[in-house]
Amino acid sequence: MSTAWPALSYEKREWTPSSTSMMSRTQQRRHRGPYLAAVVPEIAGVDSLDLDTETLARADDASAAIARFDESFGSDLTPFAAILLRTESVASSQIENLTSSARAIALAELDGGRANAAVIVSNTRAMQAAIRLADELDAQAIIETQRVLLEASAPTHVGGWRDQQVWIGGRPFGPHQADFVPPHHDRVPDAMDDLVAFLDRDDLPVLAQAAIGHAQFETIHPFPDGNGRTGRAILHALLRSKGLTRSVNVPISAGLLTDVGAYFGALGSYRAGDPNPIVALVADAAFLAIQNGTTLVSNLRALRAGWHQRVNARADSAVWTVADLVLRQPVIDSNVVRAEAGVAPVNARRAIERLAQAGVLSEITGNRRDRKWAAPEVLDELDAFAARAGRRGGA
């Protein structure tokens, strides 16, 4: 076990419930007075990551596999970059017990949809924001990522670092019986400045740096909500900013999802002063994600090739432009086709009709107006990816 990495310390803070009207007298006694809140160590200036040789080797092997996976797409990025980002967002949401079918998520991308699906779509947009801001991964970029994640569902929780104590587990009345109490909110700004400085370093192995940075972020818990999903988005932003990924996102959360208990256990080990488990787990998750992602992309490529046998259209027909669109956005309407594929209205309608006649698309509203079409085979592949990710033991 690593011994030099700094562990958390704790400090006493005072707690007074904001309201006692819903608390029994016993609860009032238990949830009043001093409690212990974590104090995170500064990590920006550590001499090394202090990892075991085996952990470093696993991280190096995973980094090489990530780079190969990224390079394997060459110029064939569209639509797979969007698909892999979507799968990462869905898996990251599943870790937080937010689940929805691929069809519901795709519908929510069009018009908001049901609650869980809409929240997962917001996570996709937060991932996009994090990647877009990767070259300037500072405090404001992190705050912006969380804003995009939650502004539609919890607008009062966005705009800056938290200004209240939070805790994980326990009771809603106070932090005294919590499983973990992150730092008091007045320590968050300095802790995040230190983390940003750590993430800015260019002298550390990138995947290990990203895993440790993620664990430090989750320990600080800088927001009132959305910390897990924001933290995993920041992990990907760091991989992009350091050049380990250039074109696509490896859906690492899909690898973590195979054993969520081990993931939370590794975060606990990090807080106790051992960074090896979280680095090893992220490395192993990357391998699982690459395996699952490769299966998904291979199946979608075969699916797309099979459409050529079913659809009779010229190579330059708008039909194929729309076919590529539904791979990355498997529920569409005519407005999306015009906006995303740049297809004129009359050609959009014809392309949709041709694909529907071939069984590539299926009309799902039953309406004469505001019609929507789904690509059921694509949705099945996305649901199969999610099922593989959720099965303990890997894809």
Foldseek 3Di string as FASTA:
>chain_A
DFDPFDFKDKDKDFDDFPDCPPPDPVRNVLAGTIAIAIDDDQDLPDPAPRADPVLVVLLVVLLVVLLCLQCVCPVVQFPLQLVQLLLLLQLLVVLVVLHDFLVQLLVCVVPNGDDSSNLSVLLSVLLVLLQVCLQPPAQVSLLVSVCSNPCVPPVVFGDFFDQAWDAADDDPRHHHGGPHTAHGLVNLVVLRRSLRSLLPDDPYSQLLSLLLSLLSQVRNVGTPDDSSSSSVSNSQSSCCNNPSHPRHGQSLSLLCLLCVVQCVVCSVVVNRRHNSSSSSSSSRSSVLSSVLSVVLVVVVVVVLVVVPVQFDDDPPACLNLVVSVCLSNFKDDLVCCCVVSVDDSVSSVVSVVRCVVSLQWDWDPPDPPPIMIGRVVSSVSSNVSSVQSNHHPGD
